[in-house]
Amino acid sequence: MKYDADTTLTGDIIFNGIKFPVSTTVGTLLEWTPTGSDTSGTSSRSPVWYVGVLLEAKFTDINFELNSPIAPSSSGRAPIPAIGVVGRGWVTSYVSITGEFSAFKLPDEIDTDYGGHYYEWDIYGTVNFTRYLGAQVGWRSHDLAYVAKNDRGDARPEGFYFGGVVRF
């Protein structure tokens, strides 16, 4: 996933140990590459819908940059286990609507120097042209934050996506 935007800061921020004063114009870039796997188990089902538990193990590479005359960049890699729910309903035998929610939270009470959370919503529709080929359109939202000693950050990327489905 890649998100970029230009903005003028409405307040002071500290990024990578450098203070960016109010009214600084910055270009932002967030490149996020999650890899990993998930599995789901069905807890309840009927011929036209199901609801299940979702278990995920992701590894994420994040690159976040502020582009301005005083801007550094920062990147990191971290494992993210998550648990959630998944549900799917078939509108017709060729069209389904799916919703997934997964989350992970490291409570601040365990260690005040480290903490964070990860929440992901994914809602999408699938049209199956054949048993092996289809198309998807959806909306995905992430809410992630971390605290690591004196460093902290958060991001809330979201947006629509289009994709293809190949089964074999």
Protein backbone atom coordinates (compact mmCIF):
# COMPACT_ATOMS: atom_id res chain seq x y z
CA MET A 1 0.00 0.00 0.00
CA LYS A 2 1.20 3.46 -0.76
CA TYR A 3 -0.26 6.75 0.46
CA ASP A 4 1.12 10.19 -0.26
CA ALA A 5 -0.12 13.73 0.30
CA ASP A 6 1.09 17.29 0.71
CA THR A 7 0.03 19.42 3.65
CA THR A 8 0.90 22.44 5.74
CA LEU A 9 1.32 21.59 9.42
CA THR A 10 -1.26 23.15 11.73
CA GLY A 11 0.80 22.41 14.83
CA ASP A 12 4.34 21.52 15.84
CA ILE A 13 5.32 17.87 15.44
CA ILE A 14 8.46 15.91 16.26
CA PHE A 15 9.43 13.30 13.68
CA ASN A 16 12.52 11.12 14.01
CA GLY A 17 13.76 13.43 16.78
CA ILE A 18 13.44 16.60 14.66
CA LYS A 19 10.91 19.33 15.46
CA PHE A 20 8.82 20.55 12.52
CA PRO A 21 7.25 23.92 13.38
CA VAL A 22 3.71 25.03 12.59
CA SER A 23 3.16 26.24 8.99
CA THR A 24 5.90 24.00 7.57
CA THR A 25 4.87 22.59 4.19
CA VAL A 26 5.62 18.87 3.97
CA GLY A 27 5.07 16.05 1.56
CA THR A 28 4.23 12.81 3.30
CA LEU A 29 4.78 9.28 2.05
CA LEU A 30 3.70 6.06 3.72
CA GLU A 31 4.71 2.78 2.06
CA TRP A 32 3.41 -0.25 3.87
CA THR A 33 4.05 -3.84 2.83
CA PRO A 34 2.36 -6.40 5.10
CA THR A 35 3.18 -10.03 4.42
CA GLY A 36 1.99 -13.11 6.19
CA SER A 37 -0.94 -15.42 6.39
CA ASP A 38 -4.32 -15.75 7.96
CA THR A 39 -6.69 -18.57 8.63
CA SER A 40 -10.33 -18.59 9.54
CA GLY A 41 -12.56 -21.15 11.14
CA THR A 42 -16.31 -21.18 10.64
CA SER A 43 -18.31 -20.89 13.81
CA SER A 44 -21.76 -20.55 12.30
CA ARG A 45 -23.06 -21.03 8.76
CA SER A 46 -26.04 -21.45 6.52
CA PRO A 47 -26.25 -22.08 2.76
CA VAL A 48 -26.08 -18.31 2.07
CA TRP A 49 -23.81 -16.92 4.84
CA TYR A 50 -21.15 -17.74 7.39
CA VAL A 51 -19.43 -16.12 10.37
CA GLY A 52 -16.04 -17.21 11.65
CA VAL A 53 -12.96 -16.43 13.72
CA LEU A 54 -9.94 -14.96 11.95
CA LEU A 55 -6.34 -15.53 13.11
CA GLU A 56 -3.52 -13.58 11.43
CA ALA A 57 0.26 -13.50 11.61
CA LYS A 58 1.63 -10.57 9.63
CA PHE A 59 5.07 -9.10 9.22
CA THR A 60 5.04 -5.49 8.19
CA ASP A 61 7.62 -3.26 6.51
CA ILE A 62 6.85 0.44 6.94
CA ASN A 63 8.56 3.40 5.35
CA PHE A 64 7.31 6.83 6.38
CA GLU A 65 8.85 10.03 5.06
CA LEU A 66 8.33 13.72 5.55
CA ASN A 67 9.68 15.57 2.52
CA SER A 68 10.76 19.09 3.40
CA PRO A 69 14.10 20.90 3.68
CA ILE A 70 14.61 19.41 7.17
CA ALA A 71 12.98 15.98 6.64
CA PRO A 72 14.44 12.59 7.48
CA SER A 73 12.81 9.27 6.71
CA SER A 74 12.10 6.37 9.01
CA SER A 75 11.41 2.71 8.43
CA GLY A 76 10.75 -0.32 10.56
CA ARG A 77 9.80 -3.99 10.57
CA ALA A 78 7.57 -5.63 13.15
CA PRO A 79 5.48 -8.77 13.62
CA ILE A 80 1.76 -8.25 14.16
CA PRO A 81 -0.37 -11.14 15.40
CA ALA A 82 -4.10 -10.41 15.24
CA ILE A 83 -7.43 -12.02 15.97
CA GLY A 84 -10.77 -11.05 14.52
CA VAL A 85 -14.04 -12.01 12.91
CA VAL A 86 -15.02 -12.64 9.30
CA GLY A 87 -18.47 -12.88 7.77
CA ARG A 88 -19.69 -13.49 4.24
CA GLY A 89 -23.11 -13.46 2.64
CA TRP A 90 -23.98 -14.56 -0.88
CA VAL A 91 -26.33 -12.17 -2.67
CA THR A 92 -26.55 -14.61 -5.59
CA SER A 93 -24.57 -17.75 -6.39
CA TYR A 94 -22.04 -15.51 -8.23
CA VAL A 95 -21.92 -12.44 -5.93
CA SER A 96 -20.82 -12.25 -2.29
CA ILE A 97 -20.20 -9.50 0.26
CA THR A 98 -17.53 -10.08 2.90
CA GLY A 99 -16.57 -8.14 6.03
CA GLU A 100 -13.47 -8.72 8.16
CA PHE A 101 -12.24 -7.07 11.33
CA SER A 102 -8.94 -7.94 13.03
CA ALA A 103 -7.14 -6.35 15.94
CA PHE A 104 -4.09 -6.49 18.18
CA LYS A 105 -3.34 -4.31 21.19
CA LEU A 106 -0.25 -4.20 23.35
CA PRO A 107 -1.50 -2.58 26.57
CA ASP A 108 0.45 0.40 27.89
CA GLU A 109 0.14 -1.04 31.41
CA ILE A 110 2.58 -3.87 30.64
CA ASP A 111 5.48 -1.50 29.98
CA THR A 112 5.04 2.27 29.76
CA ASP A 113 7.99 2.49 27.31
CA TYR A 114 6.30 0.18 24.77
CA GLY A 115 2.75 -0.13 23.47
CA GLY A 116 0.57 0.09 20.46
CA HIS A 117 -2.42 -1.18 18.57
CA TYR A 118 -3.46 -2.40 15.13
CA TYR A 119 -7.06 -2.45 13.87
CA GLU A 120 -8.08 -3.40 10.33
CA TRP A 121 -11.49 -3.27 8.63
CA ASP A 122 -11.96 -4.81 5.20
CA ILE A 123 -15.33 -4.81 3.43
CA TYR A 124 -15.50 -6.09 -0.12
CA GLY A 125 -17.74 -7.54 -2.78
CA THR A 126 -16.74 -10.36 -5.09
CA VAL A 127 -18.24 -11.20 -8.48
CA ASN A 128 -17.35 -14.70 -9.67
CA PHE A 129 -17.28 -15.04 -13.46
CA THR A 130 -16.42 -18.74 -13.22
CA ARG A 131 -15.52 -21.10 -10.39
CA TYR A 132 -11.87 -20.08 -10.81
CA LEU A 133 -12.00 -16.39 -11.82
CA GLY A 134 -13.57 -13.30 -10.27
CA ALA A 135 -13.21 -9.60 -9.47
CA GLN A 136 -13.33 -7.66 -6.21
CA VAL A 137 -14.02 -4.11 -5.13
CA GLY A 138 -13.68 -3.07 -1.52
CA TRP A 139 -12.82 -0.56 1.15
CA ARG A 140 -10.08 -1.14 3.73
CA SER A 141 -9.22 0.90 6.80
CA HIS A 142 -6.28 0.57 9.17
CA ASP A 143 -5.64 2.25 12.50
CA LEU A 144 -2.16 1.64 13.86
CA ALA A 145 -0.09 3.27 16.55
CA TYR A 146 3.05 2.47 18.48
CA VAL A 147 5.15 3.68 21.38
CA ALA A 148 8.79 2.57 21.61
CA LYS A 149 10.73 4.33 24.34
CA ASN A 150 10.70 8.02 23.32
CA ASP A 151 9.39 7.34 19.80
CA ARG A 152 5.71 7.22 18.91
CA GLY A 153 3.63 7.32 15.81
CA ASP A 154 0.22 6.61 14.39
CA ALA A 155 -1.42 6.31 11.00
CA ARG A 156 -4.95 5.78 9.74
CA PRO A 157 -4.74 4.92 6.03
CA GLU A 158 -7.98 3.92 4.34
CA GLY A 159 -9.42 3.73 0.87
CA PHE A 160 -11.07 1.81 -1.93
CA TYR A 161 -9.37 -0.95 -3.90
CA PHE A 162 -10.01 -3.15 -6.92
CA GLY A 163 -8.60 -6.60 -7.55
CA GLY A 164 -8.89 -9.94 -9.26
CA VAL A 165 -9.52 -13.38 -7.84
CA VAL A 166 -7.88 -16.53 -9.19
CA ARG A 167 -8.62 -19.90 -7.59
CA PHE A 168 -7.04 -23.26 -8.39
